[in-house]
């Protein structure tokens, strides 16, 4: 039986977590590598845990994926909400149940800490993620996503 665990990221996880974040940003989404100082600030903020946090999936020191949650508010709900900004599983572990365990841990965190909802988005071309989120009970929201 697998001893893979999903848990809140700790200081000792930061090097491995940074490597996964860079793979996610640069290799998976093909975006430019962020400046090291920006990643340092982001990781420090997430480690503090006031505005967000990261969860890691690992087994015996082997990291398999991560999820990033940010905490904010919704005027329409007049309540606090969680945005699952990232859910990433290393390629070797895709299809093994890691994504489901990470997702369920995010939902559990949302409920255990009294947030109204957890929301997320995925790329329109990421049909694998869309099928996964539908399988997990996710529903498409009403809004369109804009950036500037």
Protein backbone atom coordinates (compact mmCIF):
# COMPACT_ATOMS: atom_id res chain seq x y z
CA UNK A 1 0.00 0.00 0.00
CA UNK A 2 1.25 3.45 -0.90
CA UNK A 3 2.56 5.68 1.86
CA UNK A 4 2.17 8.75 -0.30
CA UNK A 5 1.06 11.63 1.87
CA UNK A 6 -0.38 15.04 1.09
CA UNK A 7 0.57 17.64 3.68
CA UNK A 8 1.17 21.33 4.18
CA UNK A 9 4.53 22.36 2.76
CA UNK A 10 7.27 23.08 5.29
CA UNK A 11 10.59 24.89 5.14
CA UNK A 12 12.41 21.62 4.40
CA UNK A 13 10.28 21.18 1.24
CA UNK A 14 11.16 24.52 -0.35
CA UNK A 15 14.00 23.37 -2.64
CA UNK A 16 12.02 20.47 -4.10
CA UNK A 17 8.88 22.59 -4.26
CA UNK A 18 10.73 25.32 -6.16
CA UNK A 19 11.93 22.74 -8.71
CA UNK A 20 8.35 21.53 -9.23
CA UNK A 21 7.09 25.12 -9.51
CA UNK A 22 9.67 25.89 -12.20
CA UNK A 23 8.76 22.73 -14.12
CA UNK A 24 5.11 23.76 -13.89
CA UNK A 25 5.77 27.35 -15.01
CA UNK A 26 8.48 26.85 -17.64
CA UNK A 27 7.98 23.33 -18.99
CA UNK A 28 4.24 22.72 -18.59
CA UNK A 29 2.86 26.22 -19.23
CA UNK A 30 5.85 27.37 -21.32
CA UNK A 31 6.13 30.70 -19.53
CA UNK A 32 9.39 32.57 -18.84
CA UNK A 33 11.17 31.66 -15.64
CA UNK A 34 10.33 34.20 -12.94
CA UNK A 35 13.14 36.14 -11.29
CA UNK A 36 14.63 34.26 -8.35
CA UNK A 37 13.75 37.11 -5.97
CA UNK A 38 10.08 36.89 -6.97
CA UNK A 39 9.99 33.16 -6.32
CA UNK A 40 11.76 33.73 -2.99
CA UNK A 41 9.06 36.22 -1.93
CA UNK A 42 6.24 33.99 -3.13
CA UNK A 43 7.58 30.93 -1.34
CA UNK A 44 8.15 32.90 1.87
CA UNK A 45 4.60 34.27 1.77
CA UNK A 46 3.11 30.82 1.18
CA UNK A 47 5.22 29.29 3.93
CA UNK A 48 3.95 31.93 6.36
CA UNK A 49 0.40 30.79 5.58
CA UNK A 50 -1.61 33.97 6.14
CA UNK A 51 -2.54 34.67 2.51
CA UNK A 52 -2.13 31.21 1.06
CA UNK A 53 -0.24 27.96 1.36
CA UNK A 54 1.05 25.02 -0.58
CA UNK A 55 0.40 21.33 -0.17
CA UNK A 56 2.89 18.72 -1.32
CA UNK A 57 2.41 15.11 -2.28
CA UNK A 58 5.44 13.02 -1.37
CA UNK A 59 6.39 9.49 -0.51
CA UNK A 60 9.62 8.67 1.32
CA UNK A 61 11.17 11.99 0.29
CA UNK A 62 10.13 11.66 -3.36
CA UNK A 63 7.94 14.58 -4.38
CA UNK A 64 5.08 13.82 -6.74
CA UNK A 65 3.15 17.08 -7.00
CA UNK A 66 1.85 20.19 -5.31
CA UNK A 67 -1.18 22.44 -4.98
CA UNK A 68 -1.27 26.15 -4.21
CA UNK A 69 -4.16 27.79 -2.38
CA UNK A 70 -4.73 31.53 -1.99
CA UNK A 71 -7.19 33.06 0.46
CA UNK A 72 -9.43 35.95 -0.52
CA UNK A 73 -12.98 37.25 -0.15
CA UNK A 74 -16.11 37.23 -2.27
CA UNK A 75 -18.40 40.23 -2.12
CA UNK A 76 -21.25 38.20 -3.65
CA UNK A 77 -20.93 35.63 -0.87
CA UNK A 78 -19.90 38.13 1.81
CA UNK A 79 -17.44 35.49 2.94
CA UNK A 80 -13.91 34.16 2.65
CA UNK A 81 -13.06 31.87 -0.28
CA UNK A 82 -10.11 29.76 -1.41
CA UNK A 83 -8.66 29.92 -4.91
CA UNK A 84 -6.83 26.76 -5.91
CA UNK A 85 -4.35 28.44 -8.20
CA UNK A 86 -2.23 25.39 -9.01
CA UNK A 87 -2.64 21.64 -8.95
CA UNK A 88 0.39 20.02 -10.56
CA UNK A 89 1.52 16.42 -10.66
CA UNK A 90 4.89 15.42 -12.05
CA UNK A 91 4.52 13.51 -15.31
CA UNK A 92 5.71 10.18 -13.89
CA UNK A 93 2.85 10.21 -11.35
CA UNK A 94 -0.04 11.36 -13.55
CA UNK A 95 -2.91 8.89 -13.57
CA UNK A 96 -1.76 7.32 -10.28
CA UNK A 97 -4.24 9.04 -7.97
CA UNK A 98 -1.91 11.82 -6.80
CA UNK A 99 -4.06 14.57 -8.35
CA UNK A 100 -7.16 13.21 -6.65
CA UNK A 101 -5.44 13.11 -3.26
CA UNK A 102 -4.14 16.67 -3.69
CA UNK A 103 -7.55 17.92 -4.82
CA UNK A 104 -9.37 16.24 -1.94
CA UNK A 105 -6.85 17.69 0.52
CA UNK A 106 -7.57 21.17 -0.89
CA UNK A 107 -11.32 20.63 -0.49
CA UNK A 108 -10.82 19.33 3.06
CA UNK A 109 -8.70 22.37 3.96
CA UNK A 110 -11.39 24.67 2.54
CA UNK A 111 -14.11 23.05 4.63
CA UNK A 112 -12.06 22.59 7.81
CA UNK A 113 -11.12 26.28 7.86
CA UNK A 114 -14.61 27.64 7.23
CA UNK A 115 -14.18 29.03 3.73
CA UNK A 116 -17.41 29.39 1.73
CA UNK A 117 -16.09 27.76 -1.45
CA UNK A 118 -12.99 26.69 -3.33
CA UNK A 119 -12.72 28.01 -6.87
CA UNK A 120 -10.22 27.28 -9.62
CA UNK A 121 -9.60 27.58 -13.32
CA UNK A 122 -7.71 25.63 -15.94
CA UNK A 123 -6.44 26.32 -19.42
CA UNK A 124 -9.06 25.87 -22.16
CA UNK A 125 -6.76 23.44 -23.98
CA UNK A 126 -6.15 21.27 -20.89
CA UNK A 127 -8.86 18.71 -21.58
CA UNK A 128 -7.26 16.17 -19.24
CA UNK A 129 -7.61 18.58 -16.31
CA UNK A 130 -11.16 19.44 -17.33
CA UNK A 131 -12.16 15.76 -17.31
CA UNK A 132 -10.47 15.33 -13.92
CA UNK A 133 -12.30 18.32 -12.38
CA UNK A 134 -15.64 17.09 -13.73
CA UNK A 135 -14.93 13.65 -12.24
CA UNK A 136 -14.20 15.34 -8.89
CA UNK A 137 -17.59 17.08 -8.97
CA UNK A 138 -16.44 20.46 -10.21
CA UNK A 139 -18.93 22.62 -12.07
CA UNK A 140 -18.23 25.34 -14.60
CA UNK A 141 -18.89 28.77 -13.17
CA UNK A 142 -20.81 31.55 -14.85
CA UNK A 143 -17.97 33.98 -15.38
CA UNK A 144 -15.39 34.54 -18.07
CA UNK A 145 -11.77 35.00 -17.11
CA UNK A 146 -10.11 38.26 -18.19
CA UNK A 147 -6.57 39.53 -17.68
CA UNK A 148 -4.84 42.84 -18.31
